[in-house]
Amino acid sequence: MATKLPTVAIIGQANVGKSSLFNRMVRAQQAIVAREAGTTRDNVLGKVNYHSHQFWLVDTAGLKDPNDEFEATIQEQIIEAVDTADVILMVVDSTQYVSDDDRFIAKKALKSKKPVILVTNK
């Protein structure tokens, strides 16, 4: 009988290094990385092998308040990733002060009632 692998979702503001972290953890260049914010549009799924453990990792776009139809579609994908995840990694830029956007994302993550791990980057 096959065991269902746990799923970990990476969420955070645009351009905090979510895709770089994802690529490092899956040990491949699966997610596009660029200096411009908003490069990731669709969720990217990869399998992580860590010692004798495996899990799915989901890279998501930057989470924002949806203000247009296109942005709303992207946000729906992020919420779906959070809903299906077993654990959430919330990535923040440690060179910046905590912003209202960070607080908004943290509230979304905590509302899921799933384990949330805060990751500081940059």
PDB file of N, CA and C in Angstrom:
ATOM      1  N   MET A   1       0.831  -1.172   0.000  1.00  0.00           N
ATOM      2  CA  MET A   1       0.000   0.000   0.000  1.00  0.00           C
ATOM      3  C   MET A   1       0.887   1.251   0.000  1.00  0.00           C
ATOM      4  N   ALA A   2       0.632   2.149  -0.926  1.00  0.00           N
ATOM      5  CA  ALA A   2       1.421   3.369  -1.049  1.00  0.00           C
ATOM      6  C   ALA A   2       1.046   4.346   0.061  1.00  0.00           C
ATOM      7  N   THR A   3       2.055   4.988   0.615  1.00  0.00           N
ATOM      8  CA  THR A   3       1.832   5.982   1.651  1.00  0.00           C
ATOM      9  C   THR A   3       1.727   7.355   1.005  1.00  0.00           C
ATOM     10  N   LYS A   4       0.731   8.121   1.437  1.00  0.00           N
ATOM     11  CA  LYS A   4       0.572   9.485   0.930  1.00  0.00           C
ATOM     12  C   LYS A   4       1.684  10.343   1.518  1.00  0.00           C
ATOM     13  N   LEU A   5       2.399  11.030   0.652  1.00  0.00           N
ATOM     14  CA  LEU A   5       3.467  11.903   1.126  1.00  0.00           C
ATOM     15  C   LEU A   5       2.883  13.189   1.689  1.00  0.00           C
ATOM     16  N   PRO A   6       3.462  13.707   2.760  1.00  0.00           N
ATOM     17  CA  PRO A   6       3.009  14.998   3.276  1.00  0.00           C
ATOM     18  C   PRO A   6       3.332  16.108   2.277  1.00  0.00           C
ATOM     19  N   THR A   7       2.582  17.195   2.371  1.00  0.00           N
ATOM     20  CA  THR A   7       2.759  18.340   1.476  1.00  0.00           C
ATOM     21  C   THR A   7       3.099  19.579   2.294  1.00  0.00           C
ATOM     22  N   VAL A   8       4.101  20.317   1.825  1.00  0.00           N
ATOM     23  CA  VAL A   8       4.534  21.554   2.461  1.00  0.00           C
ATOM     24  C   VAL A   8       4.356  22.680   1.443  1.00  0.00           C
ATOM     25  N   ALA A   9       3.634  23.733   1.817  1.00  0.00           N
ATOM     26  CA  ALA A   9       3.421  24.881   0.932  1.00  0.00           C
ATOM     27  C   ALA A   9       4.303  26.040   1.369  1.00  0.00           C
ATOM     28  N   ILE A  10       4.957  26.678   0.407  1.00  0.00           N
ATOM     29  CA  ILE A  10       5.771  27.866   0.675  1.00  0.00           C
ATOM     30  C   ILE A  10       4.944  29.088   0.290  1.00  0.00           C
ATOM     31  N   ILE A  11       4.694  29.976   1.265  1.00  0.00           N
ATOM     32  CA  ILE A  11       3.924  31.189   0.983  1.00  0.00           C
ATOM     33  C   ILE A  11       4.694  32.409   1.471  1.00  0.00           C
ATOM     34  N   GLY A  12       4.306  33.567   0.987  1.00  0.00           N
ATOM     35  CA  GLY A  12       4.930  34.813   1.405  1.00  0.00           C
ATOM     36  C   GLY A  12       4.707  35.880   0.361  1.00  0.00           C
ATOM     37  N   GLN A  13       5.198  37.076   0.641  1.00  0.00           N
ATOM     38  CA  GLN A  13       5.100  38.174  -0.314  1.00  0.00           C
ATOM     39  C   GLN A  13       5.907  37.849  -1.567  1.00  0.00           C
ATOM     40  N   ALA A  14       5.653  38.607  -2.617  1.00  0.00           N
ATOM     41  CA  ALA A  14       6.439  38.477  -3.839  1.00  0.00           C
ATOM     42  C   ALA A  14       7.886  38.879  -3.561  1.00  0.00           C
ATOM     43  N   ASN A  15       8.802  38.146  -4.179  1.00  0.00           N
ATOM     44  CA  ASN A  15      10.224  38.496  -4.175  1.00  0.00           C
ATOM     45  C   ASN A  15      10.913  38.375  -2.818  1.00  0.00           C
ATOM     46  N   VAL A  16      10.473  37.414  -1.997  1.00  0.00           N
ATOM     47  CA  VAL A  16      11.161  37.167  -0.722  1.00  0.00           C
ATOM     48  C   VAL A  16      12.071  35.945  -0.795  1.00  0.00           C
ATOM     49  N   GLY A  17      12.091  35.269  -1.956  1.00  0.00           N
ATOM     50  CA  GLY A  17      12.971  34.122  -2.134  1.00  0.00           C
ATOM     51  C   GLY A  17      12.289  32.773  -2.044  1.00  0.00           C
ATOM     52  N   LYS A  18      10.976  32.735  -2.225  1.00  0.00           N
ATOM     53  CA  LYS A  18      10.248  31.463  -2.148  1.00  0.00           C
ATOM     54  C   LYS A  18      10.731  30.475  -3.209  1.00  0.00           C
ATOM     55  N   SER A  19      10.880  30.945  -4.441  1.00  0.00           N
ATOM     56  CA  SER A  19      11.293  30.058  -5.532  1.00  0.00           C
ATOM     57  C   SER A  19      12.736  29.602  -5.371  1.00  0.00           C
ATOM     58  N   SER A  20      13.607  30.469  -4.876  1.00  0.00           N
ATOM     59  CA  SER A  20      14.999  30.074  -4.619  1.00  0.00           C
ATOM     60  C   SER A  20      15.055  28.993  -3.544  1.00  0.00           C
ATOM     61  N   LEU A  21      14.267  29.167  -2.486  1.00  0.00           N
ATOM     62  CA  LEU A  21      14.190  28.159  -1.429  1.00  0.00           C
ATOM     63  C   LEU A  21      13.651  26.848  -1.986  1.00  0.00           C
ATOM     64  N   PHE A  22      12.596  26.930  -2.785  1.00  0.00           N
ATOM     65  CA  PHE A  22      12.005  25.744  -3.409  1.00  0.00           C
ATOM     66  C   PHE A  22      13.062  24.993  -4.226  1.00  0.00           C
ATOM     67  N   ASN A  23      13.760  25.698  -5.118  1.00  0.00           N
ATOM     68  CA  ASN A  23      14.766  25.056  -5.968  1.00  0.00           C
ATOM     69  C   ASN A  23      15.869  24.405  -5.140  1.00  0.00           C
ATOM     70  N   ARG A  24      16.264  25.062  -4.084  1.00  0.00           N
ATOM     71  CA  ARG A  24      17.308  24.512  -3.217  1.00  0.00           C
ATOM     72  C   ARG A  24      16.833  23.216  -2.550  1.00  0.00           C
ATOM     73  N   MET A  25      15.583  23.221  -2.103  1.00  0.00           N
ATOM     74  CA  MET A  25      15.063  22.051  -1.387  1.00  0.00           C
ATOM     75  C   MET A  25      14.806  20.865  -2.310  1.00  0.00           C
ATOM     76  N   VAL A  26      14.374  21.120  -3.558  1.00  0.00           N
ATOM     77  CA  VAL A  26      14.132  20.011  -4.496  1.00  0.00           C
ATOM     78  C   VAL A  26      15.401  19.649  -5.265  1.00  0.00           C
ATOM     79  N   ARG A  27      16.458  20.439  -5.068  1.00  0.00           N
ATOM     80  CA  ARG A  27      17.758  20.209  -5.708  1.00  0.00           C
ATOM     81  C   ARG A  27      17.663  20.198  -7.233  1.00  0.00           C
ATOM     82  N   ALA A  28      16.882  21.144  -7.748  1.00  0.00           N
ATOM     83  CA  ALA A  28      16.721  21.306  -9.199  1.00  0.00           C
ATOM     84  C   ALA A  28      16.208  22.716  -9.462  1.00  0.00           C
ATOM     85  N   GLN A  29      16.368  23.163 -10.690  1.00  0.00           N
ATOM     86  CA  GLN A  29      15.874  24.492 -11.077  1.00  0.00           C
ATOM     87  C   GLN A  29      14.478  24.362 -11.684  1.00  0.00           C
ATOM     88  N   GLN A  30      13.511  23.933 -10.893  1.00  0.00           N
ATOM     89  CA  GLN A  30      12.143  23.740 -11.375  1.00  0.00           C
ATOM     90  C   GLN A  30      11.354  25.037 -11.415  1.00  0.00           C
ATOM     91  N   ALA A  31      11.596  25.925 -10.469  1.00  0.00           N
ATOM     92  CA  ALA A  31      10.859  27.189 -10.392  1.00  0.00           C
ATOM     93  C   ALA A  31      11.711  28.301 -10.998  1.00  0.00           C
ATOM     94  N   ILE A  32      11.064  29.194 -11.736  1.00  0.00           N
ATOM     95  CA  ILE A  32      11.762  30.322 -12.340  1.00  0.00           C
ATOM     96  C   ILE A  32      12.119  31.328 -11.244  1.00  0.00           C
ATOM     97  N   VAL A  33      13.363  31.794 -11.274  1.00  0.00           N
ATOM     98  CA  VAL A  33      13.839  32.779 -10.304  1.00  0.00           C
ATOM     99  C   VAL A  33      14.258  34.030 -11.071  1.00  0.00           C
ATOM    100  N   ALA A  34      13.772  35.194 -10.626  1.00  0.00           N
ATOM    101  CA  ALA A  34      14.132  36.466 -11.265  1.00  0.00           C
ATOM    102  C   ALA A  34      14.111  37.573 -10.223  1.00  0.00           C
ATOM    103  N   ARG A  35      14.770  38.664 -10.525  1.00  0.00           N
ATOM    104  CA  ARG A  35      14.780  39.805  -9.607  1.00  0.00           C
ATOM    105  C   ARG A  35      13.434  40.514  -9.572  1.00  0.00           C
ATOM    106  N   GLU A  36      12.677  40.422 -10.669  1.00  0.00           N
ATOM    107  CA  GLU A  36      11.377  41.088 -10.745  1.00  0.00           C
ATOM    108  C   GLU A  36      10.353  40.344  -9.896  1.00  0.00           C
ATOM    109  N   ALA A  37       9.572  41.086  -9.144  1.00  0.00           N
ATOM    110  CA  ALA A  37       8.494  40.488  -8.352  1.00  0.00           C
ATOM    111  C   ALA A  37       7.406  39.987  -9.289  1.00  0.00           C
ATOM    112  N   GLY A  38       6.739  38.920  -8.898  1.00  0.00           N
ATOM    113  CA  GLY A  38       5.610  38.413  -9.672  1.00  0.00           C
ATOM    114  C   GLY A  38       5.993  37.424 -10.753  1.00  0.00           C
ATOM    115  N   THR A  39       7.200  36.849 -10.688  1.00  0.00           N
ATOM    116  CA  THR A  39       7.629  35.887 -11.702  1.00  0.00           C
ATOM    117  C   THR A  39       6.823  34.598 -11.613  1.00  0.00           C
ATOM    118  N   THR A  40       6.600  34.101 -10.404  1.00  0.00           N
ATOM    119  CA  THR A  40       5.814  32.875 -10.224  1.00  0.00           C
ATOM    120  C   THR A  40       4.340  33.216 -10.366  1.00  0.00           C
ATOM    121  N   ARG A  41       3.663  32.541 -11.288  1.00  0.00           N
ATOM    122  CA  ARG A  41       2.232  32.776 -11.530  1.00  0.00           C
ATOM    123  C   ARG A  41       1.393  31.574 -11.123  1.00  0.00           C
ATOM    124  N   ASP A  42       1.935  30.375 -11.359  1.00  0.00           N
ATOM    125  CA  ASP A  42       1.224  29.136 -11.042  1.00  0.00           C
ATOM    126  C   ASP A  42       2.004  28.371  -9.985  1.00  0.00           C
ATOM    127  N   ASN A  43       1.300  27.579  -9.194  1.00  0.00           N
ATOM    128  CA  ASN A  43       1.965  26.741  -8.207  1.00  0.00           C
ATOM    129  C   ASN A  43       2.893  25.758  -8.912  1.00  0.00           C
ATOM    130  N   VAL A  44       4.060  25.516  -8.312  1.00  0.00           N
ATOM    131  CA  VAL A  44       5.034  24.566  -8.838  1.00  0.00           C
ATOM    132  C   VAL A  44       5.200  23.476  -7.786  1.00  0.00           C
ATOM    133  N   LEU A  45       5.119  22.216  -8.214  1.00  0.00           N
ATOM    134  CA  LEU A  45       5.189  21.077  -7.304  1.00  0.00           C
ATOM    135  C   LEU A  45       6.487  20.314  -7.524  1.00  0.00           C
ATOM    136  N   GLY A  46       7.162  19.980  -6.435  1.00  0.00           N
ATOM    137  CA  GLY A  46       8.379  19.187  -6.519  1.00  0.00           C
ATOM    138  C   GLY A  46       8.474  18.238  -5.342  1.00  0.00           C
ATOM    139  N   LYS A  47       9.220  17.153  -5.536  1.00  0.00           N
ATOM    140  CA  LYS A  47       9.398  16.173  -4.464  1.00  0.00           C
ATOM    141  C   LYS A  47      10.744  16.406  -3.789  1.00  0.00           C
ATOM    142  N   VAL A  48      10.724  16.437  -2.467  1.00  0.00           N
ATOM    143  CA  VAL A  48      11.934  16.632  -1.678  1.00  0.00           C
ATOM    144  C   VAL A  48      12.317  15.306  -1.041  1.00  0.00           C
ATOM    145  N   ASN A  49      13.593  14.956  -1.145  1.00  0.00           N
ATOM    146  CA  ASN A  49      14.153  13.797  -0.460  1.00  0.00           C
ATOM    147  C   ASN A  49      15.137  14.332   0.566  1.00  0.00           C
ATOM    148  N   TYR A  50      14.830  14.120   1.826  1.00  0.00           N
ATOM    149  CA  TYR A  50      15.689  14.615   2.895  1.00  0.00           C
ATOM    150  C   TYR A  50      16.004  13.453   3.820  1.00  0.00           C
ATOM    151  N   HIS A  51      17.243  13.002   3.767  1.00  0.00           N
ATOM    152  CA  HIS A  51      17.667  11.797   4.472  1.00  0.00           C
ATOM    153  C   HIS A  51      16.743  10.661   4.058  1.00  0.00           C
ATOM    154  N   SER A  52      16.040  10.051   4.953  1.00  0.00           N
ATOM    155  CA  SER A  52      15.151   8.944   4.569  1.00  0.00           C
ATOM    156  C   SER A  52      13.697   9.400   4.457  1.00  0.00           C
ATOM    157  N   HIS A  53      13.470  10.700   4.383  1.00  0.00           N
ATOM    158  CA  HIS A  53      12.108  11.243   4.327  1.00  0.00           C
ATOM    159  C   HIS A  53      11.835  11.880   2.966  1.00  0.00           C
ATOM    160  N   GLN A  54      10.580  11.782   2.544  1.00  0.00           N
ATOM    161  CA  GLN A  54      10.138  12.428   1.313  1.00  0.00           C
ATOM    162  C   GLN A  54       8.885  13.234   1.601  1.00  0.00           C
ATOM    163  N   PHE A  55       8.744  14.346   0.884  1.00  0.00           N
ATOM    164  CA  PHE A  55       7.502  15.115   0.957  1.00  0.00           C
ATOM    165  C   PHE A  55       7.370  15.958  -0.302  1.00  0.00           C
ATOM    166  N   TRP A  56       6.135  16.366  -0.583  1.00  0.00           N
ATOM    167  CA  TRP A  56       5.863  17.274  -1.692  1.00  0.00           C
ATOM    168  C   TRP A  56       6.067  18.696  -1.212  1.00  0.00           C
ATOM    169  N   LEU A  57       6.632  19.529  -2.070  1.00  0.00           N
ATOM    170  CA  LEU A  57       6.838  20.939  -1.776  1.00  0.00           C
ATOM    171  C   LEU A  57       6.138  21.751  -2.861  1.00  0.00           C
ATOM    172  N   VAL A  58       5.382  22.769  -2.451  1.00  0.00           N
ATOM    173  CA  VAL A  58       4.646  23.609  -3.398  1.00  0.00           C
ATOM    174  C   VAL A  58       5.161  25.040  -3.307  1.00  0.00           C
ATOM    175  N   ASP A  59       5.666  25.549  -4.430  1.00  0.00           N
ATOM    176  CA  ASP A  59       6.069  26.956  -4.535  1.00  0.00           C
ATOM    177  C   ASP A  59       4.862  27.736  -5.031  1.00  0.00           C
ATOM    178  N   THR A  60       4.557  28.847  -4.378  1.00  0.00           N
ATOM    179  CA  THR A  60       3.386  29.644  -4.747  1.00  0.00           C
ATOM    180  C   THR A  60       3.802  31.054  -5.155  1.00  0.00           C
ATOM    181  N   ALA A  61       2.897  31.745  -5.807  1.00  0.00           N
ATOM    182  CA  ALA A  61       3.108  33.157  -6.150  1.00  0.00           C
ATOM    183  C   ALA A  61       3.050  33.988  -4.870  1.00  0.00           C
ATOM    184  N   GLY A  62       3.437  35.243  -4.970  1.00  0.00           N
ATOM    185  CA  GLY A  62       3.348  36.148  -3.827  1.00  0.00           C
ATOM    186  C   GLY A  62       1.899  36.419  -3.463  1.00  0.00           C
ATOM    187  N   LEU A  63       1.577  36.281  -2.194  1.00  0.00           N
ATOM    188  CA  LEU A  63       0.199  36.451  -1.725  1.00  0.00           C
ATOM    189  C   LEU A  63      -0.107  37.925  -1.515  1.00  0.00           C
ATOM    190  N   LYS A  64      -1.201  38.386  -2.123  1.00  0.00           N
ATOM    191  CA  LYS A  64      -1.642  39.779  -2.006  1.00  0.00           C
ATOM    192  C   LYS A  64      -3.155  39.798  -1.883  1.00  0.00           C
ATOM    193  N   ASP A  65      -3.685  40.955  -1.522  1.00  0.00           N
ATOM    194  CA  ASP A  65      -5.132  41.129  -1.599  1.00  0.00           C
ATOM    195  C   ASP A  65      -5.498  41.161  -3.080  1.00  0.00           C
ATOM    196  N   PRO A  66      -6.418  40.285  -3.529  1.00  0.00           N
ATOM    197  CA  PRO A  66      -6.772  40.286  -4.953  1.00  0.00           C
ATOM    198  C   PRO A  66      -7.536  41.560  -5.322  1.00  0.00           C
ATOM    199  N   ASN A  67      -7.014  42.291  -6.307  1.00  0.00           N
ATOM    200  CA  ASN A  67      -7.668  43.528  -6.711  1.00  0.00           C
ATOM    201  C   ASN A  67      -8.110  43.513  -8.169  1.00  0.00           C
ATOM    202  N   ASP A  68      -7.781  42.463  -8.897  1.00  0.00           N
ATOM    203  CA  ASP A  68      -8.313  42.290 -10.245  1.00  0.00           C
ATOM    204  C   ASP A  68      -8.538  40.800 -10.489  1.00  0.00           C
ATOM    205  N   GLU A  69      -9.202  40.478 -11.593  1.00  0.00           N
ATOM    206  CA  GLU A  69      -9.584  39.086 -11.857  1.00  0.00           C
ATOM    207  C   GLU A  69      -8.368  38.176 -11.995  1.00  0.00           C
ATOM    208  N   PHE A  70      -7.331  38.631 -12.689  1.00  0.00           N
ATOM    209  CA  PHE A  70      -6.127  37.827 -12.876  1.00  0.00           C
ATOM    210  C   PHE A  70      -5.455  37.547 -11.537  1.00  0.00           C
ATOM    211  N   GLU A  71      -5.309  38.581 -10.727  1.00  0.00           N
ATOM    212  CA  GLU A  71      -4.692  38.437  -9.406  1.00  0.00           C
ATOM    213  C   GLU A  71      -5.535  37.528  -8.522  1.00  0.00           C
ATOM    214  N   ALA A  72      -6.842  37.619  -8.636  1.00  0.00           N
ATOM    215  CA  ALA A  72      -7.747  36.777  -7.842  1.00  0.00           C
ATOM    216  C   ALA A  72      -7.545  35.302  -8.176  1.00  0.00           C
ATOM    217  N   THR A  73      -7.321  34.986  -9.450  1.00  0.00           N
ATOM    218  CA  THR A  73      -7.080  33.597  -9.866  1.00  0.00           C
ATOM    219  C   THR A  73      -5.791  33.070  -9.250  1.00  0.00           C
ATOM    220  N   ILE A  74      -4.753  33.889  -9.256  1.00  0.00           N
ATOM    221  CA  ILE A  74      -3.477  33.496  -8.644  1.00  0.00           C
ATOM    222  C   ILE A  74      -3.671  33.250  -7.152  1.00  0.00           C
ATOM    223  N   GLN A  75      -4.408  34.122  -6.499  1.00  0.00           N
ATOM    224  CA  GLN A  75      -4.638  33.986  -5.060  1.00  0.00           C
ATOM    225  C   GLN A  75      -5.424  32.716  -4.737  1.00  0.00           C
ATOM    226  N   GLU A  76      -6.356  32.332  -5.607  1.00  0.00           N
ATOM    227  CA  GLU A  76      -7.106  31.085  -5.409  1.00  0.00           C
ATOM    228  C   GLU A  76      -6.165  29.886  -5.412  1.00  0.00           C
ATOM    229  N   GLN A  77      -5.149  29.904  -6.286  1.00  0.00           N
ATOM    230  CA  GLN A  77      -4.170  28.813  -6.332  1.00  0.00           C
ATOM    231  C   GLN A  77      -3.374  28.741  -5.033  1.00  0.00           C
ATOM    232  N   ILE A  78      -3.044  29.899  -4.479  1.00  0.00           N
ATOM    233  CA  ILE A  78      -2.294  29.927  -3.221  1.00  0.00           C
ATOM    234  C   ILE A  78      -3.144  29.363  -2.087  1.00  0.00           C
ATOM    235  N   ILE A  79      -4.394  29.796  -2.017  1.00  0.00           N
ATOM    236  CA  ILE A  79      -5.300  29.308  -0.971  1.00  0.00           C
ATOM    237  C   ILE A  79      -5.490  27.800  -1.103  1.00  0.00           C
ATOM    238  N   GLU A  80      -5.586  27.297  -2.337  1.00  0.00           N
ATOM    239  CA  GLU A  80      -5.707  25.849  -2.557  1.00  0.00           C
ATOM    240  C   GLU A  80      -4.465  25.121  -2.040  1.00  0.00           C
ATOM    241  N   ALA A  81      -3.281  25.686  -2.294  1.00  0.00           N
ATOM    242  CA  ALA A  81      -2.041  25.075  -1.803  1.00  0.00           C
ATOM    243  C   ALA A  81      -2.024  25.035  -0.279  1.00  0.00           C
ATOM    244  N   VAL A  82      -2.461  26.114   0.357  1.00  0.00           N
ATOM    245  CA  VAL A  82      -2.529  26.159   1.824  1.00  0.00           C
ATOM    246  C   VAL A  82      -3.536  25.135   2.337  1.00  0.00           C
ATOM    247  N   ASP A  83      -4.685  25.052   1.677  1.00  0.00           N
ATOM    248  CA  ASP A  83      -5.733  24.123   2.110  1.00  0.00           C
ATOM    249  C   ASP A  83      -5.293  22.668   2.017  1.00  0.00           C
ATOM    250  N   THR A  84      -4.491  22.323   1.002  1.00  0.00           N
ATOM    251  CA  THR A  84      -4.083  20.932   0.813  1.00  0.00           C
ATOM    252  C   THR A  84      -2.781  20.594   1.529  1.00  0.00           C
ATOM    253  N   ALA A  85      -2.078  21.608   2.031  1.00  0.00           N
ATOM    254  CA  ALA A  85      -0.789  21.380   2.692  1.00  0.00           C
ATOM    255  C   ALA A  85      -0.974  20.801   4.087  1.00  0.00           C
ATOM    256  N   ASP A  86       0.039  20.071   4.509  1.00  0.00           N
ATOM    257  CA  ASP A  86       0.100  19.575   5.881  1.00  0.00           C
ATOM    258  C   ASP A  86       0.887  20.541   6.765  1.00  0.00           C
ATOM    259  N   VAL A  87       1.821  21.258   6.147  1.00  0.00           N
ATOM    260  CA  VAL A  87       2.674  22.224   6.840  1.00  0.00           C
ATOM    261  C   VAL A  87       2.842  23.432   5.923  1.00  0.00           C
ATOM    262  N   ILE A  88       2.956  24.618   6.512  1.00  0.00           N
ATOM    263  CA  ILE A  88       3.128  25.844   5.739  1.00  0.00           C
ATOM    264  C   ILE A  88       4.447  26.500   6.134  1.00  0.00           C
ATOM    265  N   LEU A  89       5.254  26.844   5.129  1.00  0.00           N
ATOM    266  CA  LEU A  89       6.453  27.645   5.345  1.00  0.00           C
ATOM    267  C   LEU A  89       6.121  29.067   4.919  1.00  0.00           C
ATOM    268  N   MET A  90       6.157  29.997   5.849  1.00  0.00           N
ATOM    269  CA  MET A  90       5.927  31.403   5.521  1.00  0.00           C
ATOM    270  C   MET A  90       7.279  32.095   5.450  1.00  0.00           C
ATOM    271  N   VAL A  91       7.624  32.575   4.255  1.00  0.00           N
ATOM    272  CA  VAL A  91       8.928  33.197   4.027  1.00  0.00           C
ATOM    273  C   VAL A  91       8.796  34.712   4.111  1.00  0.00           C
ATOM    274  N   VAL A  92       9.689  35.343   4.869  1.00  0.00           N
ATOM    275  CA  VAL A  92       9.732  36.805   4.970  1.00  0.00           C
ATOM    276  C   VAL A  92      11.148  37.280   4.659  1.00  0.00           C
ATOM    277  N   ASP A  93      11.249  38.517   4.208  1.00  0.00           N
ATOM    278  CA  ASP A  93      12.528  39.152   3.920  1.00  0.00           C
ATOM    279  C   ASP A  93      13.059  39.748   5.224  1.00  0.00           C
ATOM    280  N   SER A  94      14.155  39.190   5.726  1.00  0.00           N
ATOM    281  CA  SER A  94      14.686  39.626   7.021  1.00  0.00           C
ATOM    282  C   SER A  94      15.357  40.996   6.959  1.00  0.00           C
ATOM    283  N   THR A  95      15.534  41.540   5.757  1.00  0.00           N
ATOM    284  CA  THR A  95      16.135  42.872   5.643  1.00  0.00           C
ATOM    285  C   THR A  95      15.085  43.978   5.699  1.00  0.00           C
ATOM    286  N   GLN A  96      13.810  43.596   5.786  1.00  0.00           N
ATOM    287  CA  GLN A  96      12.709  44.556   5.816  1.00  0.00           C
ATOM    288  C   GLN A  96      11.948  44.426   7.138  1.00  0.00           C
ATOM    289  N   TYR A  97      11.308  45.505   7.545  1.00  0.00           N
ATOM    290  CA  TYR A  97      10.427  45.438   8.706  1.00  0.00           C
ATOM    291  C   TYR A  97       9.181  44.637   8.346  1.00  0.00           C
ATOM    292  N   VAL A  98       8.546  44.053   9.347  1.00  0.00           N
ATOM    293  CA  VAL A  98       7.291  43.327   9.121  1.00  0.00           C
ATOM    294  C   VAL A  98       6.257  44.321   8.599  1.00  0.00           C
ATOM    295  N   SER A  99       5.611  43.958   7.496  1.00  0.00           N
ATOM    296  CA  SER A  99       4.661  44.864   6.842  1.00  0.00           C
ATOM    297  C   SER A  99       3.223  44.401   7.069  1.00  0.00           C
ATOM    298  N   ASP A 100       2.293  45.234   6.656  1.00  0.00           N
ATOM    299  CA  ASP A 100       0.876  44.846   6.700  1.00  0.00           C
ATOM    300  C   ASP A 100       0.632  43.626   5.823  1.00  0.00           C
ATOM    301  N   ASP A 101       1.340  43.528   4.686  1.00  0.00           N
ATOM    302  CA  ASP A 101       1.201  42.352   3.818  1.00  0.00           C
ATOM    303  C   ASP A 101       1.672  41.090   4.537  1.00  0.00           C
ATOM    304  N   ASP A 102       2.784  41.195   5.280  1.00  0.00           N
ATOM    305  CA  ASP A 102       3.266  40.046   6.058  1.00  0.00           C
ATOM    306  C   ASP A 102       2.220  39.626   7.092  1.00  0.00           C
ATOM    307  N   ARG A 103       1.621  40.602   7.744  1.00  0.00           N
ATOM    308  CA  ARG A 103       0.587  40.301   8.744  1.00  0.00           C
ATOM    309  C   ARG A 103      -0.625  39.633   8.089  1.00  0.00           C
ATOM    310  N   PHE A 104      -1.022  40.128   6.917  1.00  0.00           N
ATOM    311  CA  PHE A 104      -2.139  39.551   6.168  1.00  0.00           C
ATOM    312  C   PHE A 104      -1.852  38.084   5.835  1.00  0.00           C
ATOM    313  N   ILE A 105      -0.634  37.811   5.361  1.00  0.00           N
ATOM    314  CA  ILE A 105      -0.238  36.446   4.997  1.00  0.00           C
ATOM    315  C   ILE A 105      -0.194  35.557   6.239  1.00  0.00           C
ATOM    316  N   ALA A 106       0.353  36.070   7.333  1.00  0.00           N
ATOM    317  CA  ALA A 106       0.417  35.297   8.577  1.00  0.00           C
ATOM    318  C   ALA A 106      -0.979  34.933   9.067  1.00  0.00           C
ATOM    319  N   LYS A 107      -1.913  35.873   8.984  1.00  0.00           N
ATOM    320  CA  LYS A 107      -3.294  35.589   9.399  1.00  0.00           C
ATOM    321  C   LYS A 107      -3.907  34.491   8.548  1.00  0.00           C
ATOM    322  N   LYS A 108      -3.674  34.542   7.230  1.00  0.00           N
ATOM    323  CA  LYS A 108      -4.182  33.494   6.329  1.00  0.00           C
ATOM    324  C   LYS A 108      -3.599  32.139   6.719  1.00  0.00           C
ATOM    325  N   ALA A 109      -2.300  32.110   6.987  1.00  0.00           N
ATOM    326  CA  ALA A 109      -1.634  30.857   7.339  1.00  0.00           C
ATOM    327  C   ALA A 109      -2.144  30.321   8.670  1.00  0.00           C
ATOM    328  N   LEU A 110      -2.222  31.171   9.676  1.00  0.00           N
ATOM    329  CA  LEU A 110      -2.660  30.737  11.001  1.00  0.00           C
ATOM    330  C   LEU A 110      -4.122  30.320  11.013  1.00  0.00           C
ATOM    331  N   LYS A 111      -4.923  30.957  10.184  1.00  0.00           N
ATOM    332  CA  LYS A 111      -6.342  30.614  10.090  1.00  0.00           C
ATOM    333  C   LYS A 111      -6.536  29.181   9.585  1.00  0.00           C
ATOM    334  N   SER A 112      -5.547  28.657   8.873  1.00  0.00           N
ATOM    335  CA  SER A 112      -5.640  27.296   8.330  1.00  0.00           C
ATOM    336  C   SER A 112      -5.561  26.228   9.422  1.00  0.00           C
ATOM    337  N   LYS A 113      -5.077  26.609  10.611  1.00  0.00           N
ATOM    338  CA  LYS A 113      -4.913  25.680  11.746  1.00  0.00           C
ATOM    339  C   LYS A 113      -3.875  24.592  11.458  1.00  0.00           C
ATOM    340  N   LYS A 114      -2.989  24.854  10.516  1.00  0.00           N
ATOM    341  CA  LYS A 114      -1.912  23.913  10.182  1.00  0.00           C
ATOM    342  C   LYS A 114      -0.621  24.427  10.813  1.00  0.00           C
ATOM    343  N   PRO A 115       0.372  23.553  11.008  1.00  0.00           N
ATOM    344  CA  PRO A 115       1.656  24.036  11.520  1.00  0.00           C
ATOM    345  C   PRO A 115       2.260  25.052  10.548  1.00  0.00           C
ATOM    346  N   VAL A 116       2.713  26.182  11.082  1.00  0.00           N
ATOM    347  CA  VAL A 116       3.326  27.235  10.276  1.00  0.00           C
ATOM    348  C   VAL A 116       4.752  27.439  10.778  1.00  0.00           C
ATOM    349  N   ILE A 117       5.696  27.388   9.847  1.00  0.00           N
ATOM    350  CA  ILE A 117       7.102  27.622  10.172  1.00  0.00           C
ATOM    351  C   ILE A 117       7.510  28.928   9.510  1.00  0.00           C
ATOM    352  N   LEU A 118       8.026  29.863  10.307  1.00  0.00           N
ATOM    353  CA  LEU A 118       8.483  31.144   9.783  1.00  0.00           C
ATOM    354  C   LEU A 118       9.919  30.990   9.295  1.00  0.00           C
ATOM    355  N   VAL A 119      10.146  31.349   8.032  1.00  0.00           N
ATOM    356  CA  VAL A 119      11.470  31.266   7.417  1.00  0.00           C
ATOM    357  C   VAL A 119      11.919  32.680   7.074  1.00  0.00           C
ATOM    358  N   THR A 120      13.075  33.095   7.605  1.00  0.00           N
ATOM    359  CA  THR A 120      13.612  34.406   7.237  1.00  0.00           C
ATOM    360  C   THR A 120      14.654  34.201   6.148  1.00  0.00           C
ATOM    361  N   ASN A 121      14.641  35.081   5.166  1.00  0.00           N
ATOM    362  CA  ASN A 121      15.501  34.940   4.002  1.00  0.00           C
ATOM    363  C   ASN A 121      16.106  36.290   3.643  1.00  0.00           C
ATOM    364  N   LYS A 122      17.097  36.249   2.827  1.00  0.00           N
ATOM    365  CA  LYS A 122      17.816  37.390   2.250  1.00  0.00           C
ATOM    366  C   LYS A 122      18.903  37.763   3.188  1.00  0.00           C
TER     367      LYS A 122
END
